Amino acid sequence: MHALPGGASCDLGVEAMEDCQQLPAGVVLETGFVVSALEGSDPHHRACSAFLERIVRARTALFYNDLFELELHERAFELGTRDVRRRTGPPSGAVRYTNPKVRSLAGDLLDRWHAVVVRADAVHVELPNMLEDVRYFMERAGLSAAHAVQAGMVVASGADGIATVEDRFSAVNETLVRMYTPQRLVRRSRSRRPTARATM
């Protein structure tokens, strides 16, 4: 916890997935979180997988959009390519997305995601005209356009926050975007909150 002026303390809108007692009623899914939850070799897998299972069972509304889907496909093929390179040793040629083993590995991860969608209260949100929101989060918090879209989704959907392994969202004021993140990322994320920086 961080101390705020006047002796008050708060979690600065960053909650550890492992310690989360009151699960959110709705949460925006960040791509890295879902990849970590579904990919056993990921360093955040245990925390993210357990949190995803808890919120699915709790019938938390899981908000995602077209950008998320595009990023998830890209990450699935990147991971498949990396895995094929690792298994085959020094490449005799470039490993491409068209490689049958890459396609199979990417497909496996995407199938695991679709299995989550079938079980969960998953809500696919068509991206509205969010240019103003995107610009706001880019100018005020320094987010990339892609991250600004996800931050804007939290506000637009009325979700309680975002499930993420990205500390970049901590640059947004905690009143706008609450974060659910692995315990090992909590301290760094809290230290990057505007309120925390203002009291340093």
N, C-alpha and C. Protein backbone atom coordinates (compact mmCIF):
# COMPACT_ATOMS: atom_id res chain seq x y z
N MET A 1 0.83 -1.20 0.00
CA MET A 1 0.00 0.00 0.00
C MET A 1 0.87 1.25 0.00
N HIS A 2 0.38 2.28 -0.62
CA HIS A 2 1.07 3.56 -0.66
C HIS A 2 0.36 4.54 0.24
N ALA A 3 1.12 5.38 0.93
CA ALA A 3 0.54 6.43 1.74
C ALA A 3 0.24 7.63 0.85
N LEU A 4 -0.93 8.21 1.05
CA LEU A 4 -1.32 9.39 0.32
C LEU A 4 -1.30 10.59 1.26
N PRO A 5 -1.33 11.81 0.72
CA PRO A 5 -1.35 12.99 1.59
C PRO A 5 -2.47 12.87 2.62
N GLY A 6 -2.15 13.29 3.85
CA GLY A 6 -3.13 13.22 4.92
C GLY A 6 -3.11 11.89 5.64
N GLY A 7 -2.16 11.03 5.29
CA GLY A 7 -2.01 9.76 5.98
C GLY A 7 -2.89 8.64 5.45
N ALA A 8 -3.73 8.96 4.45
CA ALA A 8 -4.58 7.91 3.89
C ALA A 8 -3.75 6.96 3.06
N SER A 9 -4.22 5.74 2.91
CA SER A 9 -3.50 4.79 2.08
C SER A 9 -4.48 4.09 1.15
N CYS A 10 -3.99 3.64 0.03
CA CYS A 10 -4.84 2.91 -0.90
C CYS A 10 -3.96 2.03 -1.76
N ASP A 11 -4.60 1.19 -2.56
CA ASP A 11 -3.83 0.29 -3.42
C ASP A 11 -3.54 0.90 -4.77
N LEU A 12 -3.91 2.18 -4.93
CA LEU A 12 -3.67 2.91 -6.18
C LEU A 12 -4.29 2.21 -7.38
N GLY A 13 -5.38 1.51 -7.14
CA GLY A 13 -6.09 0.88 -8.24
C GLY A 13 -5.33 -0.25 -8.90
N VAL A 14 -4.42 -0.88 -8.16
CA VAL A 14 -3.66 -2.03 -8.67
C VAL A 14 -3.84 -3.17 -7.68
N GLU A 15 -4.49 -4.24 -8.12
CA GLU A 15 -4.77 -5.36 -7.23
C GLU A 15 -4.09 -6.62 -7.73
N ALA A 16 -3.47 -7.34 -6.81
CA ALA A 16 -2.82 -8.61 -7.17
C ALA A 16 -3.88 -9.66 -7.45
N MET A 17 -3.75 -10.34 -8.58
CA MET A 17 -4.70 -11.39 -8.94
C MET A 17 -4.79 -12.47 -7.85
N GLU A 18 -3.62 -12.81 -7.30
CA GLU A 18 -3.57 -13.89 -6.32
C GLU A 18 -4.30 -13.54 -5.03
N ASP A 19 -4.39 -12.24 -4.69
CA ASP A 19 -4.98 -11.81 -3.43
C ASP A 19 -6.38 -11.24 -3.58
N CYS A 20 -6.90 -11.24 -4.78
CA CYS A 20 -8.18 -10.59 -5.07
C CYS A 20 -9.32 -11.34 -4.39
N GLN A 21 -9.93 -10.71 -3.37
CA GLN A 21 -11.03 -11.34 -2.64
C GLN A 21 -12.38 -11.08 -3.31
N GLN A 22 -12.60 -9.82 -3.71
CA GLN A 22 -13.86 -9.48 -4.38
C GLN A 22 -13.60 -9.41 -5.88
N LEU A 23 -14.05 -10.42 -6.58
CA LEU A 23 -13.79 -10.48 -8.01
C LEU A 23 -14.61 -9.42 -8.74
N PRO A 24 -14.07 -8.88 -9.84
CA PRO A 24 -14.80 -7.87 -10.59
C PRO A 24 -16.04 -8.45 -11.25
N ALA A 25 -17.06 -7.58 -11.39
CA ALA A 25 -18.27 -8.00 -12.11
C ALA A 25 -18.02 -8.01 -13.61
N GLY A 26 -17.10 -7.15 -14.04
CA GLY A 26 -16.73 -7.08 -15.45
C GLY A 26 -15.30 -6.63 -15.58
N VAL A 27 -14.57 -7.19 -16.54
CA VAL A 27 -13.17 -6.84 -16.71
C VAL A 27 -12.80 -6.88 -18.19
N VAL A 28 -11.98 -5.93 -18.62
CA VAL A 28 -11.45 -5.92 -19.98
C VAL A 28 -10.23 -6.84 -20.00
N LEU A 29 -10.11 -7.64 -21.03
CA LEU A 29 -8.99 -8.56 -21.16
C LEU A 29 -7.89 -7.93 -22.02
N GLU A 30 -6.70 -7.90 -21.48
CA GLU A 30 -5.53 -7.46 -22.24
C GLU A 30 -4.87 -8.70 -22.84
N THR A 31 -4.37 -8.58 -24.05
CA THR A 31 -3.86 -9.74 -24.78
C THR A 31 -2.78 -10.49 -24.01
N GLY A 32 -1.84 -9.78 -23.42
CA GLY A 32 -0.76 -10.44 -22.69
C GLY A 32 -1.27 -11.29 -21.54
N PHE A 33 -2.31 -10.82 -20.87
CA PHE A 33 -2.90 -11.59 -19.78
C PHE A 33 -3.45 -12.92 -20.29
N VAL A 34 -4.18 -12.89 -21.39
CA VAL A 34 -4.78 -14.11 -21.93
C VAL A 34 -3.69 -15.07 -22.41
N VAL A 35 -2.67 -14.54 -23.09
CA VAL A 35 -1.56 -15.40 -23.53
C VAL A 35 -0.88 -16.03 -22.32
N SER A 36 -0.64 -15.25 -21.28
CA SER A 36 -0.01 -15.79 -20.07
C SER A 36 -0.87 -16.87 -19.44
N ALA A 37 -2.19 -16.67 -19.45
CA ALA A 37 -3.10 -17.65 -18.85
C ALA A 37 -3.12 -18.95 -19.64
N LEU A 38 -2.97 -18.88 -20.96
CA LEU A 38 -3.13 -20.06 -21.81
C LEU A 38 -1.82 -20.74 -22.16
N GLU A 39 -0.69 -20.05 -21.97
CA GLU A 39 0.61 -20.57 -22.38
C GLU A 39 1.41 -21.00 -21.14
N GLY A 40 1.55 -22.31 -20.98
CA GLY A 40 2.17 -22.86 -19.77
C GLY A 40 3.60 -22.41 -19.52
N SER A 41 4.34 -22.04 -20.56
CA SER A 41 5.74 -21.65 -20.39
C SER A 41 5.89 -20.17 -20.00
N ASP A 42 4.81 -19.43 -19.97
CA ASP A 42 4.88 -18.00 -19.66
C ASP A 42 5.19 -17.80 -18.18
N PRO A 43 6.05 -16.82 -17.84
CA PRO A 43 6.42 -16.61 -16.43
C PRO A 43 5.24 -16.21 -15.53
N HIS A 44 4.18 -15.65 -16.11
CA HIS A 44 3.01 -15.25 -15.32
C HIS A 44 1.87 -16.26 -15.41
N HIS A 45 2.17 -17.44 -15.97
CA HIS A 45 1.10 -18.39 -16.27
C HIS A 45 0.29 -18.78 -15.04
N ARG A 46 0.94 -19.13 -13.96
CA ARG A 46 0.21 -19.64 -12.79
C ARG A 46 -0.80 -18.61 -12.27
N ALA A 47 -0.34 -17.36 -12.09
CA ALA A 47 -1.23 -16.32 -11.56
C ALA A 47 -2.37 -16.03 -12.53
N CYS A 48 -2.04 -15.89 -13.81
CA CYS A 48 -3.05 -15.51 -14.80
C CYS A 48 -4.04 -16.64 -15.05
N SER A 49 -3.55 -17.87 -15.13
CA SER A 49 -4.42 -19.01 -15.36
C SER A 49 -5.42 -19.18 -14.22
N ALA A 50 -4.93 -19.06 -12.98
CA ALA A 50 -5.80 -19.21 -11.82
C ALA A 50 -6.84 -18.08 -11.77
N PHE A 51 -6.41 -16.85 -12.08
CA PHE A 51 -7.34 -15.73 -12.06
C PHE A 51 -8.39 -15.87 -13.16
N LEU A 52 -7.97 -16.28 -14.34
CA LEU A 52 -8.92 -16.47 -15.43
C LEU A 52 -9.95 -17.53 -15.06
N GLU A 53 -9.50 -18.61 -14.46
CA GLU A 53 -10.44 -19.67 -14.06
C GLU A 53 -11.43 -19.14 -13.01
N ARG A 54 -10.93 -18.36 -12.06
CA ARG A 54 -11.82 -17.82 -11.03
C ARG A 54 -12.88 -16.89 -11.61
N ILE A 55 -12.47 -16.00 -12.52
CA ILE A 55 -13.45 -15.04 -13.05
C ILE A 55 -14.42 -15.71 -14.03
N VAL A 56 -13.96 -16.76 -14.70
CA VAL A 56 -14.89 -17.51 -15.57
C VAL A 56 -15.95 -18.19 -14.70
N ARG A 57 -15.51 -18.83 -13.62
CA ARG A 57 -16.46 -19.52 -12.73
C ARG A 57 -17.40 -18.55 -12.04
N ALA A 58 -16.90 -17.34 -11.77
CA ALA A 58 -17.73 -16.32 -11.10
C ALA A 58 -18.68 -15.62 -12.06
N ARG A 59 -18.61 -15.98 -13.33
CA ARG A 59 -19.44 -15.36 -14.38
C ARG A 59 -19.16 -13.87 -14.51
N THR A 60 -17.91 -13.48 -14.29
CA THR A 60 -17.48 -12.12 -14.57
C THR A 60 -17.63 -11.87 -16.07
N ALA A 61 -18.15 -10.71 -16.44
CA ALA A 61 -18.24 -10.36 -17.86
C ALA A 61 -16.84 -10.05 -18.37
N LEU A 62 -16.41 -10.78 -19.39
CA LEU A 62 -15.07 -10.62 -19.96
C LEU A 62 -15.19 -9.84 -21.26
N PHE A 63 -14.74 -8.59 -21.25
CA PHE A 63 -14.87 -7.73 -22.42
C PHE A 63 -13.62 -7.82 -23.29
N TYR A 64 -13.82 -8.01 -24.58
CA TYR A 64 -12.72 -8.01 -25.53
C TYR A 64 -13.22 -7.43 -26.84
N ASN A 65 -12.27 -7.08 -27.74
CA ASN A 65 -12.67 -6.41 -28.97
C ASN A 65 -11.85 -6.93 -30.16
N ASP A 66 -12.07 -6.32 -31.31
CA ASP A 66 -11.37 -6.77 -32.52
C ASP A 66 -9.86 -6.61 -32.42
N LEU A 67 -9.42 -5.54 -31.79
CA LEU A 67 -7.98 -5.32 -31.63
C LEU A 67 -7.37 -6.45 -30.81
N PHE A 68 -8.04 -6.84 -29.74
CA PHE A 68 -7.59 -7.96 -28.92
C PHE A 68 -7.45 -9.22 -29.78
N GLU A 69 -8.45 -9.51 -30.60
CA GLU A 69 -8.43 -10.70 -31.44
C GLU A 69 -7.24 -10.67 -32.41
N LEU A 70 -7.00 -9.51 -33.02
CA LEU A 70 -5.86 -9.38 -33.94
C LEU A 70 -4.55 -9.60 -33.21
N GLU A 71 -4.40 -8.98 -32.05
CA GLU A 71 -3.16 -9.14 -31.27
C GLU A 71 -2.98 -10.58 -30.82
N LEU A 72 -4.06 -11.24 -30.44
CA LEU A 72 -3.97 -12.62 -29.98
C LEU A 72 -3.52 -13.53 -31.12
N HIS A 73 -4.05 -13.32 -32.32
CA HIS A 73 -3.58 -14.10 -33.47
C HIS A 73 -2.10 -13.87 -33.73
N GLU A 74 -1.69 -12.61 -33.68
CA GLU A 74 -0.26 -12.29 -33.91
C GLU A 74 0.62 -12.97 -32.88
N ARG A 75 0.23 -12.90 -31.61
CA ARG A 75 1.03 -13.51 -30.56
C ARG A 75 1.06 -15.03 -30.69
N ALA A 76 -0.06 -15.63 -31.08
CA ALA A 76 -0.12 -17.08 -31.23
C ALA A 76 0.87 -17.55 -32.29
N PHE A 77 0.92 -16.85 -33.41
CA PHE A 77 1.84 -17.23 -34.48
C PHE A 77 3.29 -16.91 -34.11
N GLU A 78 3.52 -15.82 -33.38
CA GLU A 78 4.87 -15.51 -32.92
C GLU A 78 5.38 -16.59 -31.98
N LEU A 79 4.53 -17.02 -31.05
CA LEU A 79 4.92 -18.08 -30.11
C LEU A 79 5.16 -19.39 -30.84
N GLY A 80 4.31 -19.70 -31.82
CA GLY A 80 4.51 -20.91 -32.60
C GLY A 80 5.82 -20.89 -33.35
N THR A 81 6.15 -19.74 -33.94
CA THR A 81 7.42 -19.60 -34.66
C THR A 81 8.61 -19.77 -33.73
N ARG A 82 8.53 -19.14 -32.56
CA ARG A 82 9.62 -19.25 -31.58
C ARG A 82 9.81 -20.68 -31.12
N ASP A 83 8.69 -21.38 -30.90
CA ASP A 83 8.77 -22.76 -30.43
C ASP A 83 9.38 -23.66 -31.48
N VAL A 84 9.00 -23.47 -32.74
CA VAL A 84 9.56 -24.28 -33.83
C VAL A 84 11.06 -24.02 -33.96
N ARG A 85 11.46 -22.77 -33.88
CA ARG A 85 12.90 -22.44 -33.96
C ARG A 85 13.67 -23.12 -32.84
N ARG A 86 13.10 -23.11 -31.62
CA ARG A 86 13.78 -23.70 -30.48
C ARG A 86 13.92 -25.21 -30.64
N ARG A 87 12.90 -25.83 -31.20
CA ARG A 87 12.92 -27.28 -31.34
C ARG A 87 13.83 -27.75 -32.46
N THR A 88 13.93 -26.96 -33.52
CA THR A 88 14.68 -27.40 -34.69
C THR A 88 16.13 -26.96 -34.67
N GLY A 89 16.52 -26.15 -33.68
CA GLY A 89 17.90 -25.69 -33.61
C GLY A 89 18.18 -24.58 -34.60
N PRO A 90 19.46 -24.36 -34.94
CA PRO A 90 19.81 -23.30 -35.88
C PRO A 90 19.04 -23.46 -37.19
N PRO A 91 18.31 -22.43 -37.60
CA PRO A 91 17.47 -22.56 -38.79
C PRO A 91 18.28 -22.63 -40.07
N SER A 92 17.86 -23.53 -40.94
CA SER A 92 18.47 -23.58 -42.27
C SER A 92 17.83 -22.55 -43.17
N GLY A 93 16.65 -22.12 -42.79
CA GLY A 93 15.92 -21.07 -43.50
C GLY A 93 14.97 -20.41 -42.52
N ALA A 94 14.37 -19.33 -42.92
CA ALA A 94 13.46 -18.62 -42.04
C ALA A 94 12.24 -19.48 -41.73
N VAL A 95 11.80 -19.44 -40.47
CA VAL A 95 10.58 -20.12 -40.08
C VAL A 95 9.43 -19.14 -40.29
N ARG A 96 8.49 -19.54 -41.10
CA ARG A 96 7.39 -18.63 -41.46
C ARG A 96 6.07 -19.09 -40.83
N TYR A 97 5.13 -18.15 -40.81
CA TYR A 97 3.81 -18.47 -40.27
C TYR A 97 3.14 -19.59 -41.06
N THR A 98 3.54 -19.78 -42.31
CA THR A 98 2.93 -20.81 -43.15
C THR A 98 3.45 -22.22 -42.82
N ASN A 99 4.50 -22.30 -42.01
CA ASN A 99 5.04 -23.59 -41.60
C ASN A 99 3.94 -24.40 -40.91
N PRO A 100 3.72 -25.66 -41.31
CA PRO A 100 2.63 -26.45 -40.72
C PRO A 100 2.73 -26.58 -39.20
N LYS A 101 3.94 -26.71 -38.66
CA LYS A 101 4.09 -26.82 -37.20
C LYS A 101 3.72 -25.51 -36.51
N VAL A 102 4.10 -24.39 -37.12
CA VAL A 102 3.73 -23.08 -36.57
C VAL A 102 2.22 -22.93 -36.58
N ARG A 103 1.61 -23.28 -37.70
CA ARG A 103 0.15 -23.16 -37.81
C ARG A 103 -0.55 -24.03 -36.77
N SER A 104 -0.01 -25.21 -36.54
CA SER A 104 -0.61 -26.13 -35.56
C SER A 104 -0.49 -25.58 -34.14
N LEU A 105 0.68 -25.07 -33.79
CA LEU A 105 0.89 -24.52 -32.44
C LEU A 105 0.03 -23.28 -32.22
N ALA A 106 -0.02 -22.41 -33.22
CA ALA A 106 -0.85 -21.21 -33.12
C ALA A 106 -2.32 -21.61 -32.99
N GLY A 107 -2.72 -22.58 -33.78
CA GLY A 107 -4.10 -23.04 -33.72
C GLY A 107 -4.47 -23.61 -32.37
N ASP A 108 -3.51 -24.31 -31.73
CA ASP A 108 -3.77 -24.87 -30.41
C ASP A 108 -4.07 -23.77 -29.40
N LEU A 109 -3.27 -22.70 -29.43
CA LEU A 109 -3.49 -21.60 -28.48
C LEU A 109 -4.83 -20.92 -28.75
N LEU A 110 -5.13 -20.68 -30.03
CA LEU A 110 -6.39 -20.03 -30.38
C LEU A 110 -7.59 -20.92 -30.02
N ASP A 111 -7.44 -22.23 -30.14
CA ASP A 111 -8.50 -23.15 -29.74
C ASP A 111 -8.74 -23.07 -28.23
N ARG A 112 -7.64 -22.93 -27.46
CA ARG A 112 -7.79 -22.80 -26.01
C ARG A 112 -8.55 -21.52 -25.67
N TRP A 113 -8.29 -20.44 -26.42
CA TRP A 113 -9.02 -19.19 -26.20
C TRP A 113 -10.50 -19.38 -26.53
N HIS A 114 -10.80 -20.04 -27.65
CA HIS A 114 -12.20 -20.23 -28.03
C HIS A 114 -12.93 -21.11 -27.00
N ALA A 115 -12.21 -22.03 -26.37
CA ALA A 115 -12.82 -22.84 -25.32
C ALA A 115 -13.19 -21.97 -24.12
N VAL A 116 -12.37 -20.97 -23.83
CA VAL A 116 -12.69 -20.02 -22.75
C VAL A 116 -13.96 -19.25 -23.11
N VAL A 117 -14.03 -18.77 -24.35
CA VAL A 117 -15.19 -17.99 -24.79
C VAL A 117 -16.48 -18.78 -24.63
N VAL A 118 -16.43 -20.06 -24.95
CA VAL A 118 -17.62 -20.92 -24.85
C VAL A 118 -18.07 -21.06 -23.40
N ARG A 119 -17.12 -21.18 -22.48
CA ARG A 119 -17.44 -21.38 -21.06
C ARG A 119 -17.80 -20.10 -20.34
N ALA A 120 -17.27 -18.97 -20.79
CA ALA A 120 -17.33 -17.73 -20.03
C ALA A 120 -18.49 -16.84 -20.45
N ASP A 121 -18.70 -15.81 -19.65
CA ASP A 121 -19.62 -14.74 -20.01
C ASP A 121 -18.79 -13.72 -20.79
N ALA A 122 -18.40 -14.10 -22.00
CA ALA A 122 -17.51 -13.29 -22.83
C ALA A 122 -18.32 -12.33 -23.70
N VAL A 123 -17.90 -11.09 -23.71
CA VAL A 123 -18.64 -10.05 -24.43
C VAL A 123 -17.72 -9.43 -25.48
N HIS A 124 -17.99 -9.74 -26.74
CA HIS A 124 -17.22 -9.12 -27.82
C HIS A 124 -17.83 -7.76 -28.11
N VAL A 125 -17.02 -6.72 -27.99
CA VAL A 125 -17.50 -5.35 -28.16
C VAL A 125 -16.96 -4.79 -29.46
N GLU A 126 -17.86 -4.39 -30.33
CA GLU A 126 -17.42 -3.71 -31.55
C GLU A 126 -16.81 -2.37 -31.15
N LEU A 127 -15.67 -2.07 -31.72
CA LEU A 127 -15.01 -0.83 -31.35
C LEU A 127 -15.82 0.37 -31.85
N PRO A 128 -16.30 1.17 -30.93
CA PRO A 128 -17.02 2.38 -31.35
C PRO A 128 -16.03 3.42 -31.85
N ASN A 129 -16.54 4.55 -32.21
CA ASN A 129 -15.66 5.66 -32.62
C ASN A 129 -14.96 6.18 -31.37
N MET A 130 -13.75 5.68 -31.15
CA MET A 130 -13.04 5.98 -29.91
C MET A 130 -11.84 6.90 -30.14
N LEU A 131 -11.79 7.59 -31.25
CA LEU A 131 -10.62 8.40 -31.54
C LEU A 131 -10.35 9.43 -30.45
N GLU A 132 -11.42 10.04 -29.91
CA GLU A 132 -11.21 11.03 -28.85
C GLU A 132 -10.63 10.38 -27.61
N ASP A 133 -11.17 9.19 -27.24
CA ASP A 133 -10.64 8.48 -26.07
C ASP A 133 -9.20 8.05 -26.30
N VAL A 134 -8.92 7.56 -27.50
CA VAL A 134 -7.56 7.13 -27.81
C VAL A 134 -6.59 8.31 -27.69
N ARG A 135 -6.98 9.42 -28.25
CA ARG A 135 -6.11 10.60 -28.19
C ARG A 135 -5.92 11.04 -26.74
N TYR A 136 -6.99 11.00 -25.95
CA TYR A 136 -6.91 11.40 -24.54
C TYR A 136 -5.87 10.57 -23.81
N PHE A 137 -5.96 9.24 -23.93
CA PHE A 137 -5.04 8.36 -23.19
C PHE A 137 -3.62 8.43 -23.75
N MET A 138 -3.48 8.72 -25.03
CA MET A 138 -2.14 8.89 -25.59
C MET A 138 -1.51 10.18 -25.06
N GLU A 139 -2.28 11.26 -25.05
CA GLU A 139 -1.74 12.56 -24.62
C GLU A 139 -1.54 12.62 -23.10
N ARG A 140 -2.49 12.09 -22.34
CA ARG A 140 -2.43 12.23 -20.88
C ARG A 140 -1.56 11.17 -20.20
N ALA A 141 -1.53 9.96 -20.78
CA ALA A 141 -0.81 8.87 -20.12
C ALA A 141 0.34 8.33 -20.95
N GLY A 142 0.51 8.84 -22.17
CA GLY A 142 1.62 8.39 -23.00
C GLY A 142 1.46 6.97 -23.52
N LEU A 143 0.23 6.48 -23.60
CA LEU A 143 0.00 5.12 -24.09
C LEU A 143 0.13 5.05 -25.60
N SER A 144 0.48 3.88 -26.10
CA SER A 144 0.42 3.64 -27.54
C SER A 144 -1.05 3.64 -27.95
N ALA A 145 -1.30 3.74 -29.24
CA ALA A 145 -2.69 3.72 -29.71
C ALA A 145 -3.39 2.43 -29.30
N ALA A 146 -2.70 1.31 -29.41
CA ALA A 146 -3.30 0.02 -29.06
C ALA A 146 -3.65 -0.04 -27.57
N HIS A 147 -2.73 0.40 -26.71
CA HIS A 147 -3.02 0.41 -25.27
C HIS A 147 -4.10 1.42 -24.93
N ALA A 148 -4.12 2.55 -25.66
CA ALA A 148 -5.15 3.57 -25.42
C ALA A 148 -6.53 3.03 -25.74
N VAL A 149 -6.64 2.19 -26.78
CA VAL A 149 -7.92 1.57 -27.11
C VAL A 149 -8.39 0.70 -25.95
N GLN A 150 -7.49 -0.09 -25.37
CA GLN A 150 -7.88 -0.98 -24.27
C GLN A 150 -8.25 -0.19 -23.02
N ALA A 151 -7.52 0.90 -22.74
CA ALA A 151 -7.88 1.75 -21.61
C ALA A 151 -9.24 2.38 -21.84
N GLY A 152 -9.49 2.83 -23.05
CA GLY A 152 -10.78 3.40 -23.39
C GLY A 152 -11.90 2.39 -23.27
N MET A 153 -11.60 1.11 -23.54
CA MET A 153 -12.59 0.05 -23.41
C MET A 153 -13.07 -0.11 -21.97
N VAL A 154 -12.16 0.07 -21.02
CA VAL A 154 -12.54 -0.04 -19.61
C VAL A 154 -13.63 0.99 -19.31
N VAL A 155 -13.40 2.22 -19.76
CA VAL A 155 -14.34 3.31 -19.51
C VAL A 155 -15.64 3.08 -20.28
N ALA A 156 -15.52 2.74 -21.57
CA ALA A 156 -16.70 2.60 -22.43
C ALA A 156 -17.60 1.43 -22.02
N SER A 157 -16.99 0.34 -21.55
CA SER A 157 -17.76 -0.85 -21.20
C SER A 157 -18.35 -0.81 -19.80
N GLY A 158 -17.83 0.10 -18.97
CA GLY A 158 -18.26 0.13 -17.58
C GLY A 158 -17.64 -1.00 -16.77
N ALA A 159 -16.57 -1.60 -17.27
CA ALA A 159 -15.89 -2.68 -16.55
C ALA A 159 -15.24 -2.16 -15.28
N ASP A 160 -14.98 -3.06 -14.36
CA ASP A 160 -14.34 -2.68 -13.10
C ASP A 160 -12.84 -2.42 -13.27
N GLY A 161 -12.27 -2.89 -14.39
CA GLY A 161 -10.85 -2.69 -14.62
C GLY A 161 -10.36 -3.55 -15.76
N ILE A 162 -9.04 -3.73 -15.80
CA ILE A 162 -8.42 -4.52 -16.86
C ILE A 162 -7.53 -5.59 -16.25
N ALA A 163 -7.63 -6.82 -16.76
CA ALA A 163 -6.74 -7.90 -16.37
C ALA A 163 -5.54 -7.82 -17.30
N THR A 164 -4.35 -7.62 -16.73
CA THR A 164 -3.19 -7.30 -17.56
C THR A 164 -1.88 -7.76 -16.95
N VAL A 165 -0.89 -7.95 -17.81
CA VAL A 165 0.49 -8.15 -17.36
C VAL A 165 1.35 -6.99 -17.84
N GLU A 166 0.70 -5.91 -18.26
CA GLU A 166 1.38 -4.71 -18.75
C GLU A 166 1.31 -3.61 -17.71
N ASP A 167 2.47 -3.14 -17.24
CA ASP A 167 2.43 -2.05 -16.25
C ASP A 167 2.21 -0.69 -16.92
N ARG A 168 2.14 -0.65 -18.24
CA ARG A 168 1.92 0.62 -18.94
C ARG A 168 0.60 1.26 -18.56
N PHE A 169 -0.40 0.44 -18.24
CA PHE A 169 -1.71 0.99 -17.88
C PHE A 169 -1.66 1.75 -16.56
N SER A 170 -0.61 1.55 -15.77
CA SER A 170 -0.51 2.27 -14.51
C SER A 170 -0.22 3.75 -14.71
N ALA A 171 0.12 4.15 -15.94
CA ALA A 171 0.31 5.57 -16.22
C ALA A 171 -1.02 6.32 -16.25
N VAL A 172 -2.13 5.57 -16.28
CA VAL A 172 -3.47 6.16 -16.28
C VAL A 172 -3.91 6.35 -14.83
N ASN A 173 -4.64 7.42 -14.57
CA ASN A 173 -5.15 7.67 -13.22
C ASN A 173 -5.97 6.48 -12.75
N GLU A 174 -5.78 6.11 -11.48
CA GLU A 174 -6.45 4.93 -10.94
C GLU A 174 -7.97 5.05 -10.90
N THR A 175 -8.49 6.26 -10.94
CA THR A 175 -9.95 6.43 -10.95
C THR A 175 -10.55 6.03 -12.30
N LEU A 176 -9.73 5.94 -13.33
CA LEU A 176 -10.22 5.58 -14.66
C LEU A 176 -10.00 4.12 -15.01
N VAL A 177 -8.83 3.60 -14.67
CA VAL A 177 -8.50 2.22 -15.05
C VAL A 177 -7.89 1.48 -13.86
N ARG A 178 -8.70 0.61 -13.26
CA ARG A 178 -8.20 -0.27 -12.20
C ARG A 178 -7.50 -1.45 -12.86
N MET A 179 -6.44 -1.94 -12.24
CA MET A 179 -5.65 -3.03 -12.82
C MET A 179 -5.70 -4.27 -11.93
N TYR A 180 -5.85 -5.43 -12.56
CA TYR A 180 -5.69 -6.73 -11.89
C TYR A 180 -4.48 -7.37 -12.54
N THR A 181 -3.44 -7.60 -11.76
CA THR A 181 -2.15 -8.01 -12.32
C THR A 181 -1.45 -8.98 -11.38
N PRO A 182 -0.51 -9.79 -11.86
CA PRO A 182 0.20 -10.71 -10.97
C PRO A 182 0.93 -9.98 -9.84
N GLN A 183 1.01 -10.62 -8.69
CA GLN A 183 1.63 -10.03 -7.50
C GLN A 183 3.03 -9.49 -7.80
N ARG A 184 3.80 -10.18 -8.60
CA ARG A 184 5.17 -9.76 -8.86
C ARG A 184 5.24 -8.45 -9.63
N LEU A 185 4.13 -8.00 -10.23
CA LEU A 185 4.11 -6.74 -10.98
C LEU A 185 3.44 -5.60 -10.21
N VAL A 186 2.88 -5.90 -9.05
CA VAL A 186 2.09 -4.91 -8.31
C VAL A 186 2.91 -3.71 -7.87
N ARG A 187 4.05 -3.94 -7.23
CA ARG A 187 4.84 -2.83 -6.70
C ARG A 187 5.25 -1.86 -7.80
N ARG A 188 5.75 -2.41 -8.91
CA ARG A 188 6.18 -1.54 -10.01
C ARG A 188 5.00 -0.77 -10.59
N SER A 189 3.86 -1.45 -10.74
CA SER A 189 2.68 -0.79 -11.30
C SER A 189 2.19 0.33 -10.39
N ARG A 190 2.15 0.07 -9.09
CA ARG A 190 1.71 1.11 -8.15
C ARG A 190 2.65 2.30 -8.16
N SER A 191 3.94 2.04 -8.29
CA SER A 191 4.91 3.14 -8.26
C SER A 191 4.79 4.04 -9.48
N ARG A 192 4.18 3.54 -10.55
CA ARG A 192 4.04 4.32 -11.77
C ARG A 192 2.73 5.10 -11.83
N ARG A 193 1.84 4.90 -10.87
CA ARG A 193 0.58 5.63 -10.86
C ARG A 193 0.87 7.12 -10.69
N PRO A 194 0.10 7.99 -11.37
CA PRO A 194 0.32 9.43 -11.23
C PRO A 194 0.25 9.92 -9.80
N THR A 195 -0.66 9.34 -8.99
CA THR A 195 -0.78 9.74 -7.59
C THR A 195 0.48 9.41 -6.81
N ALA A 196 1.05 8.22 -7.06
CA ALA A 196 2.27 7.82 -6.37
C ALA A 196 3.43 8.71 -6.76
N ARG A 197 3.55 9.04 -8.05
CA ARG A 197 4.65 9.90 -8.51
C ARG A 197 4.52 11.31 -7.92
N ALA A 198 3.30 11.75 -7.73
CA ALA A 198 3.09 13.12 -7.22
C ALA A 198 3.48 13.23 -5.75
N THR A 199 3.49 12.10 -5.01
CA THR A 199 3.83 12.14 -3.60
C THR A 199 5.30 11.82 -3.33
N MET A 200 6.05 11.51 -4.38
CA MET A 200 7.46 11.18 -4.20
C MET A 200 8.30 12.44 -3.96
